[in-house]
Amino acid sequence: MSNPMSRGPSQRQLRVGELLRHRLSEVLLRGETHDPDLDRASITVSEVQVSPDLRHAKVFVLPLGGNDTAATLAALARNAGTLRRQVVKGLNLKYAPALKFIADQSFDRMDETRALLSDEKVQRDLAAGEGSHEPE
């Protein structure tokens, strides 16, 4: 029998995470928190990871242009209770998951990877490796 800790999220976790992501995006877009800091910010909710018991959710966010990430995270944390209530409205969930907001670093990592791959030395190494398909 396989170790349950080594498996990824269940279909239910993925489905609930996507429902929460979509609903949270709507709430933020409509300014339903009535917080001026959040109302004037354009925030991308890139992913929501839900715990197996569906009581906790990590919400990965990125403000437009990556500006004022710390201030955006602070405003989201300050409004976590309101957002939690707004997000679960209309969703048929037994529990309203606690929301923990985290800055999404994946876009930064993609930029770093692109920069690395465009580096002259890396390009030279890649070009040299194209002619050789035999194992070393």
N, C-alpha and C. Protein backbone atom coordinates (compact mmCIF):
# COMPACT_ATOMS: atom_id res chain seq x y z
N MET A 1 0.84 -1.17 0.00
CA MET A 1 0.00 0.00 0.00
C MET A 1 0.89 1.24 0.00
N SER A 2 0.53 2.24 -0.80
CA SER A 2 1.36 3.43 -0.92
C SER A 2 1.14 4.38 0.26
N ASN A 3 2.12 5.18 0.50
CA ASN A 3 2.08 6.15 1.58
C ASN A 3 1.17 7.33 1.18
N PRO A 4 0.11 7.61 1.94
CA PRO A 4 -0.79 8.71 1.56
C PRO A 4 -0.11 10.07 1.58
N MET A 5 0.97 10.21 2.34
CA MET A 5 1.66 11.50 2.41
C MET A 5 2.43 11.79 1.13
N SER A 6 2.73 10.76 0.33
CA SER A 6 3.51 10.96 -0.89
C SER A 6 2.63 11.32 -2.08
N ARG A 7 1.34 11.16 -1.94
CA ARG A 7 0.43 11.48 -3.03
C ARG A 7 0.16 12.97 -3.10
N GLY A 8 -0.25 13.41 -4.25
CA GLY A 8 -0.61 14.82 -4.42
C GLY A 8 -2.02 15.06 -3.89
N PRO A 9 -2.53 16.24 -4.13
CA PRO A 9 -3.87 16.57 -3.65
C PRO A 9 -4.94 15.71 -4.33
N SER A 10 -6.03 15.47 -3.60
CA SER A 10 -7.14 14.69 -4.14
C SER A 10 -7.90 15.53 -5.16
N GLN A 11 -8.75 14.85 -5.92
CA GLN A 11 -9.60 15.57 -6.88
C GLN A 11 -10.50 16.57 -6.17
N ARG A 12 -10.96 16.20 -4.98
CA ARG A 12 -11.82 17.10 -4.22
C ARG A 12 -11.06 18.35 -3.79
N GLN A 13 -9.82 18.17 -3.31
CA GLN A 13 -9.00 19.33 -2.92
C GLN A 13 -8.77 20.23 -4.13
N LEU A 14 -8.46 19.65 -5.27
CA LEU A 14 -8.22 20.44 -6.48
C LEU A 14 -9.48 21.20 -6.90
N ARG A 15 -10.63 20.52 -6.84
CA ARG A 15 -11.89 21.13 -7.24
C ARG A 15 -12.25 22.29 -6.31
N VAL A 16 -12.15 22.05 -4.99
CA VAL A 16 -12.47 23.10 -4.02
C VAL A 16 -11.48 24.25 -4.16
N GLY A 17 -10.20 23.95 -4.35
CA GLY A 17 -9.20 24.99 -4.54
C GLY A 17 -9.51 25.88 -5.73
N GLU A 18 -9.94 25.25 -6.81
CA GLU A 18 -10.26 26.03 -8.02
C GLU A 18 -11.53 26.85 -7.81
N LEU A 19 -12.52 26.29 -7.12
CA LEU A 19 -13.74 27.06 -6.80
C LEU A 19 -13.40 28.28 -5.94
N LEU A 20 -12.55 28.07 -4.94
CA LEU A 20 -12.15 29.18 -4.07
C LEU A 20 -11.35 30.22 -4.84
N ARG A 21 -10.46 29.77 -5.73
CA ARG A 21 -9.65 30.71 -6.52
C ARG A 21 -10.55 31.59 -7.38
N HIS A 22 -11.50 30.96 -8.05
CA HIS A 22 -12.41 31.68 -8.93
C HIS A 22 -13.26 32.67 -8.13
N ARG A 23 -13.81 32.22 -7.03
CA ARG A 23 -14.69 33.07 -6.21
C ARG A 23 -13.90 34.22 -5.58
N LEU A 24 -12.70 33.94 -5.09
CA LEU A 24 -11.87 34.98 -4.49
C LEU A 24 -11.50 36.03 -5.52
N SER A 25 -11.20 35.61 -6.74
CA SER A 25 -10.90 36.56 -7.82
C SER A 25 -12.09 37.48 -8.06
N GLU A 26 -13.30 36.91 -8.05
CA GLU A 26 -14.52 37.72 -8.25
C GLU A 26 -14.70 38.73 -7.12
N VAL A 27 -14.53 38.26 -5.89
CA VAL A 27 -14.71 39.14 -4.72
C VAL A 27 -13.73 40.30 -4.77
N LEU A 28 -12.49 40.03 -5.10
CA LEU A 28 -11.47 41.09 -5.16
C LEU A 28 -11.74 42.03 -6.33
N LEU A 29 -12.17 41.49 -7.45
CA LEU A 29 -12.45 42.31 -8.62
C LEU A 29 -13.62 43.27 -8.35
N ARG A 30 -14.63 42.80 -7.65
CA ARG A 30 -15.81 43.62 -7.37
C ARG A 30 -15.63 44.54 -6.17
N GLY A 31 -14.54 44.40 -5.44
CA GLY A 31 -14.30 45.26 -4.29
C GLY A 31 -15.25 45.00 -3.14
N GLU A 32 -15.60 43.72 -2.93
CA GLU A 32 -16.58 43.37 -1.91
C GLU A 32 -16.03 43.46 -0.48
N THR A 33 -14.77 43.77 -0.31
CA THR A 33 -14.20 43.88 1.04
C THR A 33 -14.40 45.27 1.61
N HIS A 34 -14.62 46.25 0.74
CA HIS A 34 -14.78 47.65 1.14
C HIS A 34 -13.53 48.19 1.84
N ASP A 35 -12.37 47.67 1.45
CA ASP A 35 -11.09 48.17 1.96
C ASP A 35 -10.44 48.94 0.81
N PRO A 36 -10.17 50.23 1.00
CA PRO A 36 -9.60 51.03 -0.10
C PRO A 36 -8.27 50.48 -0.61
N ASP A 37 -7.48 49.87 0.27
CA ASP A 37 -6.20 49.31 -0.18
C ASP A 37 -6.41 48.16 -1.15
N LEU A 38 -7.43 47.36 -0.92
CA LEU A 38 -7.71 46.24 -1.82
C LEU A 38 -8.53 46.68 -3.02
N ASP A 39 -9.41 47.67 -2.83
CA ASP A 39 -10.26 48.12 -3.93
C ASP A 39 -9.45 48.73 -5.07
N ARG A 40 -8.35 49.39 -4.75
CA ARG A 40 -7.58 50.03 -5.82
C ARG A 40 -6.46 49.13 -6.34
N ALA A 41 -6.28 47.95 -5.73
CA ALA A 41 -5.23 47.04 -6.17
C ALA A 41 -5.80 46.03 -7.17
N SER A 42 -5.00 45.71 -8.16
CA SER A 42 -5.36 44.65 -9.10
C SER A 42 -4.54 43.43 -8.70
N ILE A 43 -5.23 42.40 -8.22
CA ILE A 43 -4.56 41.25 -7.64
C ILE A 43 -4.91 40.00 -8.43
N THR A 44 -3.89 39.26 -8.81
CA THR A 44 -4.08 37.97 -9.47
C THR A 44 -4.03 36.88 -8.42
N VAL A 45 -5.05 36.05 -8.39
CA VAL A 45 -5.07 34.87 -7.53
C VAL A 45 -4.69 33.71 -8.44
N SER A 46 -3.42 33.27 -8.33
CA SER A 46 -2.92 32.28 -9.28
C SER A 46 -3.24 30.84 -8.89
N GLU A 47 -3.34 30.57 -7.59
CA GLU A 47 -3.59 29.20 -7.15
C GLU A 47 -4.11 29.21 -5.72
N VAL A 48 -4.94 28.23 -5.41
CA VAL A 48 -5.38 28.00 -4.04
C VAL A 48 -5.17 26.53 -3.74
N GLN A 49 -4.36 26.25 -2.72
CA GLN A 49 -4.10 24.87 -2.29
C GLN A 49 -4.87 24.64 -1.00
N VAL A 50 -5.71 23.62 -1.01
CA VAL A 50 -6.57 23.33 0.13
C VAL A 50 -6.03 22.12 0.88
N SER A 51 -6.08 22.18 2.21
CA SER A 51 -5.63 21.05 3.04
C SER A 51 -6.58 19.87 2.85
N PRO A 52 -6.12 18.66 3.17
CA PRO A 52 -6.97 17.47 2.99
C PRO A 52 -8.31 17.55 3.73
N ASP A 53 -8.36 18.23 4.89
CA ASP A 53 -9.62 18.35 5.62
C ASP A 53 -10.46 19.55 5.16
N LEU A 54 -9.97 20.28 4.18
CA LEU A 54 -10.64 21.44 3.57
C LEU A 54 -10.87 22.60 4.54
N ARG A 55 -10.14 22.63 5.64
CA ARG A 55 -10.31 23.69 6.64
C ARG A 55 -9.30 24.82 6.49
N HIS A 56 -8.26 24.61 5.68
CA HIS A 56 -7.23 25.62 5.49
C HIS A 56 -6.91 25.74 4.00
N ALA A 57 -6.64 26.96 3.59
CA ALA A 57 -6.31 27.19 2.18
C ALA A 57 -5.14 28.17 2.07
N LYS A 58 -4.14 27.79 1.30
CA LYS A 58 -3.04 28.69 0.97
C LYS A 58 -3.42 29.37 -0.34
N VAL A 59 -3.45 30.68 -0.31
CA VAL A 59 -3.87 31.46 -1.48
C VAL A 59 -2.64 32.18 -2.03
N PHE A 60 -2.23 31.80 -3.25
CA PHE A 60 -1.07 32.40 -3.89
C PHE A 60 -1.54 33.57 -4.73
N VAL A 61 -1.02 34.76 -4.41
CA VAL A 61 -1.46 36.00 -5.06
C VAL A 61 -0.27 36.79 -5.58
N LEU A 62 -0.57 37.65 -6.53
CA LEU A 62 0.44 38.55 -7.08
C LEU A 62 -0.25 39.85 -7.48
N PRO A 63 0.18 40.97 -6.88
CA PRO A 63 -0.38 42.25 -7.32
C PRO A 63 0.11 42.56 -8.74
N LEU A 64 -0.70 43.29 -9.48
CA LEU A 64 -0.36 43.65 -10.85
C LEU A 64 1.03 44.28 -10.89
N GLY A 65 1.89 43.76 -11.71
CA GLY A 65 3.24 44.28 -11.86
C GLY A 65 4.16 43.90 -10.71
N GLY A 66 3.65 43.14 -9.74
CA GLY A 66 4.47 42.75 -8.60
C GLY A 66 4.77 43.90 -7.65
N ASN A 67 4.05 45.02 -7.79
CA ASN A 67 4.29 46.20 -6.97
C ASN A 67 3.61 46.08 -5.61
N ASP A 68 4.28 46.59 -4.58
CA ASP A 68 3.72 46.64 -3.23
C ASP A 68 3.19 45.28 -2.76
N THR A 69 3.94 44.24 -2.99
CA THR A 69 3.51 42.90 -2.58
C THR A 69 3.30 42.83 -1.08
N ALA A 70 4.22 43.39 -0.30
CA ALA A 70 4.10 43.33 1.17
C ALA A 70 2.84 44.05 1.64
N ALA A 71 2.56 45.22 1.08
CA ALA A 71 1.36 45.98 1.46
C ALA A 71 0.09 45.23 1.05
N THR A 72 0.13 44.60 -0.11
CA THR A 72 -1.02 43.83 -0.57
C THR A 72 -1.28 42.63 0.33
N LEU A 73 -0.20 41.91 0.70
CA LEU A 73 -0.35 40.77 1.60
C LEU A 73 -0.90 41.21 2.96
N ALA A 74 -0.42 42.35 3.44
CA ALA A 74 -0.90 42.87 4.72
C ALA A 74 -2.39 43.21 4.65
N ALA A 75 -2.81 43.83 3.55
CA ALA A 75 -4.23 44.17 3.38
C ALA A 75 -5.09 42.91 3.27
N LEU A 76 -4.60 41.92 2.56
CA LEU A 76 -5.35 40.66 2.45
C LEU A 76 -5.46 39.97 3.81
N ALA A 77 -4.36 39.94 4.56
CA ALA A 77 -4.38 39.32 5.89
C ALA A 77 -5.34 40.06 6.82
N ARG A 78 -5.34 41.37 6.72
CA ARG A 78 -6.21 42.21 7.55
C ARG A 78 -7.68 41.92 7.24
N ASN A 79 -7.97 41.55 6.01
CA ASN A 79 -9.34 41.30 5.57
C ASN A 79 -9.65 39.82 5.40
N ALA A 80 -8.81 38.95 5.94
CA ALA A 80 -8.98 37.51 5.75
C ALA A 80 -10.34 37.00 6.21
N GLY A 81 -10.83 37.49 7.34
CA GLY A 81 -12.14 37.07 7.84
C GLY A 81 -13.27 37.46 6.91
N THR A 82 -13.24 38.70 6.45
CA THR A 82 -14.26 39.19 5.51
C THR A 82 -14.19 38.41 4.20
N LEU A 83 -12.98 38.22 3.71
CA LEU A 83 -12.81 37.47 2.46
C LEU A 83 -13.30 36.03 2.63
N ARG A 84 -13.00 35.45 3.75
CA ARG A 84 -13.43 34.07 4.03
C ARG A 84 -14.95 33.97 3.94
N ARG A 85 -15.65 34.90 4.58
CA ARG A 85 -17.12 34.88 4.54
C ARG A 85 -17.65 35.14 3.13
N GLN A 86 -17.07 36.10 2.43
CA GLN A 86 -17.52 36.44 1.08
C GLN A 86 -17.29 35.29 0.10
N VAL A 87 -16.16 34.63 0.24
CA VAL A 87 -15.77 33.58 -0.71
C VAL A 87 -16.68 32.37 -0.62
N VAL A 88 -17.09 31.98 0.58
CA VAL A 88 -17.89 30.76 0.72
C VAL A 88 -19.38 30.97 0.45
N LYS A 89 -19.81 32.23 0.31
CA LYS A 89 -21.22 32.49 -0.03
C LYS A 89 -21.54 31.79 -1.34
N GLY A 90 -22.58 31.01 -1.33
CA GLY A 90 -23.01 30.34 -2.55
C GLY A 90 -22.27 29.05 -2.85
N LEU A 91 -21.22 28.77 -2.10
CA LEU A 91 -20.51 27.50 -2.29
C LEU A 91 -21.04 26.52 -1.26
N ASN A 92 -21.25 25.30 -1.67
CA ASN A 92 -21.80 24.29 -0.77
C ASN A 92 -20.66 23.57 -0.05
N LEU A 93 -20.05 24.27 0.92
CA LEU A 93 -18.95 23.69 1.67
C LEU A 93 -19.35 23.53 3.13
N LYS A 94 -18.91 22.44 3.73
CA LYS A 94 -19.21 22.20 5.14
C LYS A 94 -18.49 23.21 6.03
N TYR A 95 -17.25 23.55 5.67
CA TYR A 95 -16.44 24.50 6.43
C TYR A 95 -15.99 25.65 5.53
N ALA A 96 -15.85 26.81 6.13
CA ALA A 96 -15.25 27.94 5.43
C ALA A 96 -13.75 27.88 5.75
N PRO A 97 -12.92 27.55 4.77
CA PRO A 97 -11.49 27.39 5.07
C PRO A 97 -10.82 28.70 5.49
N ALA A 98 -9.91 28.59 6.44
CA ALA A 98 -9.09 29.73 6.84
C ALA A 98 -8.16 30.05 5.67
N LEU A 99 -8.04 31.32 5.33
CA LEU A 99 -7.24 31.73 4.17
C LEU A 99 -5.90 32.27 4.63
N LYS A 100 -4.83 31.74 4.06
CA LYS A 100 -3.49 32.25 4.31
C LYS A 100 -2.94 32.73 2.97
N PHE A 101 -2.60 34.01 2.91
CA PHE A 101 -2.17 34.62 1.65
C PHE A 101 -0.64 34.58 1.55
N ILE A 102 -0.18 34.14 0.39
CA ILE A 102 1.25 33.97 0.13
C ILE A 102 1.58 34.61 -1.22
N ALA A 103 2.71 35.32 -1.27
CA ALA A 103 3.14 35.93 -2.54
C ALA A 103 3.54 34.82 -3.51
N ASP A 104 3.02 34.88 -4.71
CA ASP A 104 3.34 33.89 -5.73
C ASP A 104 4.69 34.25 -6.35
N GLN A 105 5.65 33.38 -6.18
CA GLN A 105 7.01 33.61 -6.69
C GLN A 105 7.24 32.93 -8.04
N SER A 106 6.27 32.20 -8.56
CA SER A 106 6.49 31.43 -9.78
C SER A 106 6.81 32.31 -10.98
N PHE A 107 6.23 33.50 -11.04
CA PHE A 107 6.51 34.39 -12.17
C PHE A 107 7.96 34.87 -12.13
N ASP A 108 8.46 35.15 -10.93
CA ASP A 108 9.87 35.55 -10.77
C ASP A 108 10.78 34.42 -11.21
N ARG A 109 10.44 33.19 -10.82
CA ARG A 109 11.28 32.04 -11.21
C ARG A 109 11.27 31.84 -12.72
N MET A 110 10.14 32.07 -13.37
CA MET A 110 10.09 31.95 -14.83
C MET A 110 10.98 33.00 -15.48
N ASP A 111 10.95 34.23 -14.97
CA ASP A 111 11.80 35.28 -15.52
C ASP A 111 13.28 34.94 -15.34
N GLU A 112 13.63 34.42 -14.16
CA GLU A 112 15.02 34.03 -13.91
C GLU A 112 15.45 32.91 -14.85
N THR A 113 14.58 31.96 -15.10
CA THR A 113 14.89 30.86 -16.01
C THR A 113 15.07 31.37 -17.43
N ARG A 114 14.18 32.27 -17.86
CA ARG A 114 14.32 32.86 -19.21
C ARG A 114 15.64 33.61 -19.34
N ALA A 115 15.99 34.38 -18.32
CA ALA A 115 17.25 35.13 -18.36
C ALA A 115 18.44 34.18 -18.42
N LEU A 116 18.38 33.12 -17.65
CA LEU A 116 19.46 32.14 -17.64
C LEU A 116 19.60 31.48 -19.01
N LEU A 117 18.48 31.08 -19.60
CA LEU A 117 18.52 30.41 -20.90
C LEU A 117 18.97 31.33 -22.03
N SER A 118 18.78 32.64 -21.87
CA SER A 118 19.20 33.57 -22.91
C SER A 118 20.66 34.02 -22.72
N ASP A 119 21.30 33.62 -21.63
CA ASP A 119 22.69 33.97 -21.38
C ASP A 119 23.58 33.40 -22.50
N GLU A 120 24.54 34.20 -22.93
CA GLU A 120 25.43 33.82 -24.05
C GLU A 120 26.16 32.50 -23.79
N LYS A 121 26.67 32.31 -22.59
CA LYS A 121 27.40 31.08 -22.26
C LYS A 121 26.48 29.86 -22.32
N VAL A 122 25.27 30.01 -21.81
CA VAL A 122 24.32 28.89 -21.83
C VAL A 122 23.93 28.58 -23.27
N GLN A 123 23.71 29.60 -24.07
CA GLN A 123 23.36 29.39 -25.47
C GLN A 123 24.48 28.64 -26.21
N ARG A 124 25.72 29.02 -25.90
CA ARG A 124 26.88 28.36 -26.52
C ARG A 124 26.92 26.88 -26.10
N ASP A 125 26.69 26.60 -24.82
CA ASP A 125 26.67 25.22 -24.33
C ASP A 125 25.53 24.42 -24.96
N LEU A 126 24.38 25.04 -25.09
CA LEU A 126 23.25 24.36 -25.71
C LEU A 126 23.53 24.05 -27.17
N ALA A 127 24.12 25.00 -27.88
CA ALA A 127 24.44 24.80 -29.30
C ALA A 127 25.49 23.69 -29.45
N ALA A 128 26.47 23.65 -28.56
CA ALA A 128 27.50 22.62 -28.62
C ALA A 128 26.90 21.25 -28.34
N GLY A 129 25.91 21.18 -27.47
CA GLY A 129 25.29 19.91 -27.12
C GLY A 129 24.35 19.37 -28.17
N GLU A 130 23.88 20.21 -29.11
CA GLU A 130 22.95 19.77 -30.13
C GLU A 130 23.59 18.79 -31.10
N GLY A 131 24.87 18.94 -31.35
CA GLY A 131 25.54 18.07 -32.31
C GLY A 131 25.88 16.72 -31.72
N SER A 132 25.90 16.60 -30.45
CA SER A 132 26.28 15.37 -29.79
C SER A 132 25.07 14.73 -29.13
N HIS A 133 24.65 13.58 -29.67
CA HIS A 133 23.51 12.88 -29.08
C HIS A 133 23.91 11.58 -28.41
N GLU A 134 25.21 11.33 -28.34
CA GLU A 134 25.66 10.10 -27.70
C GLU A 134 25.92 10.34 -26.22
N PRO A 135 25.62 9.36 -25.38
CA PRO A 135 25.88 9.53 -23.95
C PRO A 135 27.38 9.62 -23.68
N GLU A 136 27.72 10.37 -22.66
CA GLU A 136 29.14 10.56 -22.33
C GLU A 136 29.65 9.45 -21.47
